[in-house]
Amino acid sequence: MSNVLDVMPKKADESVLRNLDRVLAPGGYWFIKLNPFYSPKDLKRFDYQKMGDHLYEEDGVLRLHQETTEHWKRILASYGRVERYMEFRYPWQEGLNRLFLLKKTAPIK
């Protein structure tokens, strides 16, 4: 998944994670890429408007579910083991993108 969980409301991302966990076999891998975690100054500069708890919109469209890396690590740990984590930059985007490789170790929920 690339830029999926961090552009939807919390209840929706919880549902997506549960459903993906349901269909992924034990020992399978998740490959999850998240946008950078932006500072309040960056969010203001992007002209993102706060629309709820950790949610930001632009022109009425949800653009970011802003959560820390530690938050995502805690959430993902309930579905398996984070095998690798890395951060990287795209030339066209500010901040460090976050990439998780997660191995499903928990039983199917």
N, C-alpha and C. Protein backbone atom coordinates (compact mmCIF):
# COMPACT_ATOMS: atom_id res chain seq x y z
N MET A 1 0.85 -1.17 0.00
CA MET A 1 0.00 0.00 0.00
C MET A 1 0.89 1.23 0.00
N SER A 2 0.57 2.16 -0.85
CA SER A 2 1.34 3.39 -0.90
C SER A 2 0.39 4.57 -0.73
N ASN A 3 0.60 5.32 0.33
CA ASN A 3 -0.20 6.52 0.61
C ASN A 3 -1.69 6.21 0.65
N VAL A 4 -2.04 5.15 1.34
CA VAL A 4 -3.44 4.78 1.49
C VAL A 4 -3.90 5.07 2.91
N LEU A 5 -3.22 4.50 3.88
CA LEU A 5 -3.65 4.64 5.28
C LEU A 5 -3.60 6.08 5.77
N ASP A 6 -2.68 6.86 5.24
CA ASP A 6 -2.51 8.22 5.74
C ASP A 6 -3.30 9.27 4.95
N VAL A 7 -4.26 8.81 4.16
CA VAL A 7 -5.15 9.74 3.47
C VAL A 7 -6.62 9.33 3.66
N MET A 8 -6.89 8.63 4.76
CA MET A 8 -8.27 8.26 5.07
C MET A 8 -8.50 8.43 6.58
N PRO A 9 -9.74 8.63 6.98
CA PRO A 9 -10.04 8.78 8.41
C PRO A 9 -9.66 7.52 9.19
N LYS A 10 -9.44 7.71 10.50
CA LYS A 10 -8.99 6.62 11.37
C LYS A 10 -9.90 5.40 11.30
N LYS A 11 -11.20 5.59 11.35
CA LYS A 11 -12.11 4.43 11.32
C LYS A 11 -11.98 3.66 10.01
N ALA A 12 -11.75 4.38 8.92
CA ALA A 12 -11.59 3.71 7.62
C ALA A 12 -10.28 2.95 7.58
N ASP A 13 -9.19 3.55 8.09
CA ASP A 13 -7.91 2.83 8.03
C ASP A 13 -7.94 1.62 8.94
N GLU A 14 -8.65 1.68 10.05
CA GLU A 14 -8.78 0.50 10.92
C GLU A 14 -9.52 -0.62 10.18
N SER A 15 -10.55 -0.28 9.46
CA SER A 15 -11.31 -1.26 8.68
C SER A 15 -10.46 -1.88 7.58
N VAL A 16 -9.69 -1.05 6.88
CA VAL A 16 -8.81 -1.55 5.83
C VAL A 16 -7.78 -2.52 6.41
N LEU A 17 -7.17 -2.15 7.53
CA LEU A 17 -6.18 -3.02 8.15
C LEU A 17 -6.79 -4.35 8.58
N ARG A 18 -7.96 -4.32 9.18
CA ARG A 18 -8.62 -5.57 9.60
C ARG A 18 -8.92 -6.46 8.40
N ASN A 19 -9.42 -5.88 7.33
CA ASN A 19 -9.75 -6.67 6.15
C ASN A 19 -8.51 -7.22 5.45
N LEU A 20 -7.46 -6.43 5.37
CA LEU A 20 -6.22 -6.94 4.79
C LEU A 20 -5.63 -8.05 5.65
N ASP A 21 -5.70 -7.88 6.95
CA ASP A 21 -5.21 -8.91 7.86
C ASP A 21 -6.00 -10.21 7.68
N ARG A 22 -7.27 -10.08 7.43
CA ARG A 22 -8.13 -11.24 7.26
C ARG A 22 -7.72 -12.08 6.05
N VAL A 23 -7.28 -11.42 4.97
CA VAL A 23 -6.95 -12.16 3.75
C VAL A 23 -5.46 -12.51 3.61
N LEU A 24 -4.61 -11.90 4.42
CA LEU A 24 -3.18 -12.20 4.34
C LEU A 24 -2.87 -13.43 5.18
N ALA A 25 -2.21 -14.40 4.59
CA ALA A 25 -1.85 -15.63 5.30
C ALA A 25 -0.79 -15.36 6.35
N PRO A 26 -0.81 -16.12 7.45
CA PRO A 26 0.28 -15.99 8.43
C PRO A 26 1.62 -16.21 7.72
N GLY A 27 2.59 -15.37 8.06
CA GLY A 27 3.89 -15.41 7.40
C GLY A 27 3.96 -14.52 6.17
N GLY A 28 2.81 -13.98 5.73
CA GLY A 28 2.79 -13.07 4.59
C GLY A 28 3.34 -11.70 4.98
N TYR A 29 3.60 -10.90 3.97
CA TYR A 29 4.20 -9.59 4.19
C TYR A 29 3.28 -8.46 3.76
N TRP A 30 3.35 -7.38 4.50
CA TRP A 30 2.73 -6.12 4.16
C TRP A 30 3.86 -5.17 3.78
N PHE A 31 3.67 -4.39 2.75
CA PHE A 31 4.61 -3.37 2.32
C PHE A 31 3.81 -2.07 2.35
N ILE A 32 4.12 -1.19 3.31
CA ILE A 32 3.30 0.00 3.54
C ILE A 32 4.17 1.25 3.47
N LYS A 33 3.77 2.17 2.59
CA LYS A 33 4.47 3.44 2.45
C LYS A 33 3.54 4.56 2.92
N LEU A 34 4.06 5.41 3.78
CA LEU A 34 3.30 6.54 4.32
C LEU A 34 3.97 7.86 3.96
N ASN A 35 3.17 8.89 3.82
CA ASN A 35 3.69 10.23 3.59
C ASN A 35 4.53 10.68 4.78
N PRO A 36 5.30 11.75 4.61
CA PRO A 36 6.05 12.31 5.74
C PRO A 36 5.12 12.82 6.84
N PHE A 37 5.64 12.90 8.05
CA PHE A 37 4.96 13.55 9.14
C PHE A 37 5.38 15.01 9.09
N TYR A 38 4.42 15.89 8.89
CA TYR A 38 4.73 17.31 8.68
C TYR A 38 4.56 18.11 9.97
N SER A 39 5.34 19.17 10.07
CA SER A 39 5.25 20.09 11.20
C SER A 39 4.01 20.97 11.02
N PRO A 40 3.52 21.57 12.10
CA PRO A 40 2.40 22.51 11.97
C PRO A 40 2.72 23.66 10.99
N LYS A 41 3.98 24.08 10.96
CA LYS A 41 4.40 25.15 10.03
C LYS A 41 4.26 24.67 8.59
N ASP A 42 4.66 23.44 8.30
CA ASP A 42 4.52 22.88 6.96
C ASP A 42 3.06 22.80 6.56
N LEU A 43 2.22 22.30 7.45
CA LEU A 43 0.79 22.15 7.15
C LEU A 43 0.17 23.50 6.80
N LYS A 44 0.56 24.52 7.53
CA LYS A 44 0.05 25.86 7.25
C LYS A 44 0.54 26.35 5.89
N ARG A 45 1.81 26.10 5.60
CA ARG A 45 2.39 26.51 4.32
C ARG A 45 1.71 25.79 3.14
N PHE A 46 1.33 24.53 3.35
CA PHE A 46 0.63 23.77 2.30
C PHE A 46 -0.81 24.24 2.15
N ASP A 47 -1.26 25.07 3.11
CA ASP A 47 -2.64 25.56 3.17
C ASP A 47 -3.63 24.43 3.45
N TYR A 48 -3.18 23.44 4.22
CA TYR A 48 -4.07 22.37 4.66
C TYR A 48 -4.87 22.88 5.86
N GLN A 49 -6.16 22.63 5.85
CA GLN A 49 -7.05 23.05 6.92
C GLN A 49 -7.38 21.85 7.80
N LYS A 50 -7.34 22.05 9.11
CA LYS A 50 -7.67 20.97 10.03
C LYS A 50 -9.16 20.69 9.95
N MET A 51 -9.53 19.43 9.75
CA MET A 51 -10.94 19.07 9.64
C MET A 51 -11.37 18.11 10.73
N GLY A 52 -10.48 17.74 11.60
CA GLY A 52 -10.78 16.83 12.69
C GLY A 52 -9.49 16.38 13.34
N ASP A 53 -9.61 15.43 14.24
CA ASP A 53 -8.46 14.93 14.97
C ASP A 53 -7.45 14.31 14.01
N HIS A 54 -6.34 14.99 13.79
CA HIS A 54 -5.24 14.52 12.93
C HIS A 54 -5.60 14.48 11.45
N LEU A 55 -6.70 15.07 11.05
CA LEU A 55 -7.12 15.06 9.64
C LEU A 55 -7.01 16.46 9.05
N TYR A 56 -6.46 16.53 7.84
CA TYR A 56 -6.27 17.82 7.17
C TYR A 56 -6.81 17.74 5.74
N GLU A 57 -7.45 18.84 5.33
CA GLU A 57 -8.05 18.89 4.00
C GLU A 57 -7.50 20.07 3.22
N GLU A 58 -7.70 19.99 1.92
CA GLU A 58 -7.39 21.08 1.01
C GLU A 58 -8.55 21.18 0.04
N ASP A 59 -9.19 22.34 -0.02
CA ASP A 59 -10.34 22.56 -0.90
C ASP A 59 -11.43 21.50 -0.72
N GLY A 60 -11.68 21.12 0.54
CA GLY A 60 -12.75 20.17 0.84
C GLY A 60 -12.40 18.71 0.62
N VAL A 61 -11.13 18.41 0.27
CA VAL A 61 -10.71 17.04 0.02
C VAL A 61 -9.71 16.62 1.10
N LEU A 62 -9.95 15.47 1.73
CA LEU A 62 -9.03 14.95 2.73
C LEU A 62 -7.68 14.69 2.08
N ARG A 63 -6.65 15.29 2.61
CA ARG A 63 -5.30 15.16 2.04
C ARG A 63 -4.33 14.42 2.95
N LEU A 64 -4.60 14.40 4.26
CA LEU A 64 -3.61 13.83 5.16
C LEU A 64 -4.24 13.40 6.47
N HIS A 65 -3.94 12.18 6.88
CA HIS A 65 -4.21 11.68 8.22
C HIS A 65 -2.86 11.71 8.91
N GLN A 66 -2.61 12.79 9.61
CA GLN A 66 -1.30 13.11 10.19
C GLN A 66 -1.08 12.36 11.49
N GLU A 67 -0.24 11.34 11.46
CA GLU A 67 0.11 10.57 12.66
C GLU A 67 1.62 10.37 12.70
N THR A 68 2.17 10.27 13.89
CA THR A 68 3.60 10.08 14.04
C THR A 68 4.01 8.67 13.61
N THR A 69 5.28 8.50 13.37
CA THR A 69 5.82 7.17 13.03
C THR A 69 5.59 6.21 14.19
N GLU A 70 5.77 6.67 15.40
CA GLU A 70 5.55 5.80 16.57
C GLU A 70 4.11 5.33 16.64
N HIS A 71 3.17 6.19 16.31
CA HIS A 71 1.76 5.79 16.27
C HIS A 71 1.57 4.63 15.29
N TRP A 72 2.09 4.79 14.07
CA TRP A 72 1.92 3.74 13.06
C TRP A 72 2.63 2.45 13.48
N LYS A 73 3.80 2.57 14.10
CA LYS A 73 4.50 1.37 14.56
C LYS A 73 3.66 0.60 15.58
N ARG A 74 3.02 1.32 16.49
CA ARG A 74 2.15 0.66 17.49
C ARG A 74 0.97 -0.03 16.82
N ILE A 75 0.33 0.66 15.88
CA ILE A 75 -0.82 0.08 15.18
C ILE A 75 -0.40 -1.16 14.40
N LEU A 76 0.66 -1.03 13.63
CA LEU A 76 1.10 -2.15 12.78
C LEU A 76 1.60 -3.33 13.60
N ALA A 77 2.16 -3.08 14.77
CA ALA A 77 2.65 -4.17 15.63
C ALA A 77 1.52 -5.09 16.07
N SER A 78 0.30 -4.62 16.07
CA SER A 78 -0.82 -5.49 16.44
C SER A 78 -1.17 -6.47 15.32
N TYR A 79 -0.58 -6.29 14.14
CA TYR A 79 -0.83 -7.17 13.00
C TYR A 79 0.37 -8.04 12.64
N GLY A 80 1.50 -7.76 13.22
CA GLY A 80 2.69 -8.55 12.91
C GLY A 80 3.94 -7.87 13.42
N ARG A 81 5.06 -8.27 12.85
CA ARG A 81 6.35 -7.74 13.28
C ARG A 81 6.92 -6.83 12.19
N VAL A 82 7.35 -5.64 12.59
CA VAL A 82 7.99 -4.74 11.64
C VAL A 82 9.39 -5.30 11.38
N GLU A 83 9.57 -5.86 10.20
CA GLU A 83 10.86 -6.45 9.82
C GLU A 83 11.87 -5.37 9.44
N ARG A 84 11.38 -4.33 8.75
CA ARG A 84 12.25 -3.23 8.34
C ARG A 84 11.45 -1.94 8.34
N TYR A 85 12.17 -0.88 8.63
CA TYR A 85 11.60 0.46 8.55
C TYR A 85 12.68 1.35 7.92
N MET A 86 12.27 2.16 6.98
CA MET A 86 13.22 3.11 6.41
C MET A 86 12.51 4.41 6.05
N GLU A 87 13.31 5.46 5.93
CA GLU A 87 12.81 6.77 5.53
C GLU A 87 13.58 7.19 4.29
N PHE A 88 12.91 7.87 3.39
CA PHE A 88 13.56 8.32 2.17
C PHE A 88 12.86 9.56 1.64
N ARG A 89 13.55 10.28 0.79
CA ARG A 89 13.03 11.51 0.18
C ARG A 89 12.71 11.28 -1.29
N TYR A 90 11.63 11.90 -1.73
CA TYR A 90 11.37 12.05 -3.16
C TYR A 90 11.86 13.46 -3.52
N PRO A 91 12.41 13.65 -4.70
CA PRO A 91 12.89 14.98 -5.08
C PRO A 91 11.76 16.02 -5.14
N TRP A 92 10.54 15.61 -5.40
CA TRP A 92 9.43 16.54 -5.56
C TRP A 92 8.62 16.76 -4.28
N GLN A 93 9.03 16.13 -3.19
CA GLN A 93 8.24 16.20 -1.96
C GLN A 93 9.13 16.55 -0.78
N GLU A 94 8.63 17.41 0.08
CA GLU A 94 9.37 17.75 1.29
C GLU A 94 9.16 16.67 2.35
N GLY A 95 10.13 16.49 3.20
CA GLY A 95 10.01 15.56 4.31
C GLY A 95 10.43 14.15 3.94
N LEU A 96 10.48 13.31 4.97
CA LEU A 96 10.89 11.92 4.81
C LEU A 96 9.68 11.01 4.72
N ASN A 97 9.57 10.30 3.60
CA ASN A 97 8.54 9.28 3.46
C ASN A 97 8.91 8.10 4.34
N ARG A 98 7.90 7.37 4.78
CA ARG A 98 8.12 6.26 5.72
C ARG A 98 7.69 4.96 5.06
N LEU A 99 8.53 3.95 5.18
CA LEU A 99 8.29 2.67 4.53
C LEU A 99 8.44 1.54 5.55
N PHE A 100 7.40 0.71 5.64
CA PHE A 100 7.39 -0.41 6.58
C PHE A 100 7.31 -1.73 5.81
N LEU A 101 8.09 -2.70 6.24
CA LEU A 101 7.93 -4.08 5.81
C LEU A 101 7.49 -4.85 7.05
N LEU A 102 6.28 -5.36 7.01
CA LEU A 102 5.67 -6.00 8.16
C LEU A 102 5.38 -7.45 7.83
N LYS A 103 5.79 -8.36 8.70
CA LYS A 103 5.52 -9.79 8.52
C LYS A 103 4.38 -10.18 9.45
N LYS A 104 3.36 -10.78 8.86
CA LYS A 104 2.21 -11.17 9.67
C LYS A 104 2.59 -12.36 10.54
N THR A 105 2.49 -12.16 11.84
CA THR A 105 2.80 -13.24 12.79
C THR A 105 1.59 -13.56 13.65
N ALA A 106 0.65 -12.63 13.71
CA ALA A 106 -0.54 -12.84 14.53
C ALA A 106 -1.53 -13.73 13.79
N PRO A 107 -2.36 -14.46 14.53
CA PRO A 107 -3.39 -15.26 13.86
C PRO A 107 -4.37 -14.36 13.13
N ILE A 108 -5.04 -14.91 12.12
CA ILE A 108 -6.06 -14.17 11.39
C ILE A 108 -7.16 -13.75 12.35
N LYS A 109 -7.53 -12.47 12.30
CA LYS A 109 -8.55 -11.93 13.22
C LYS A 109 -9.92 -12.10 12.64
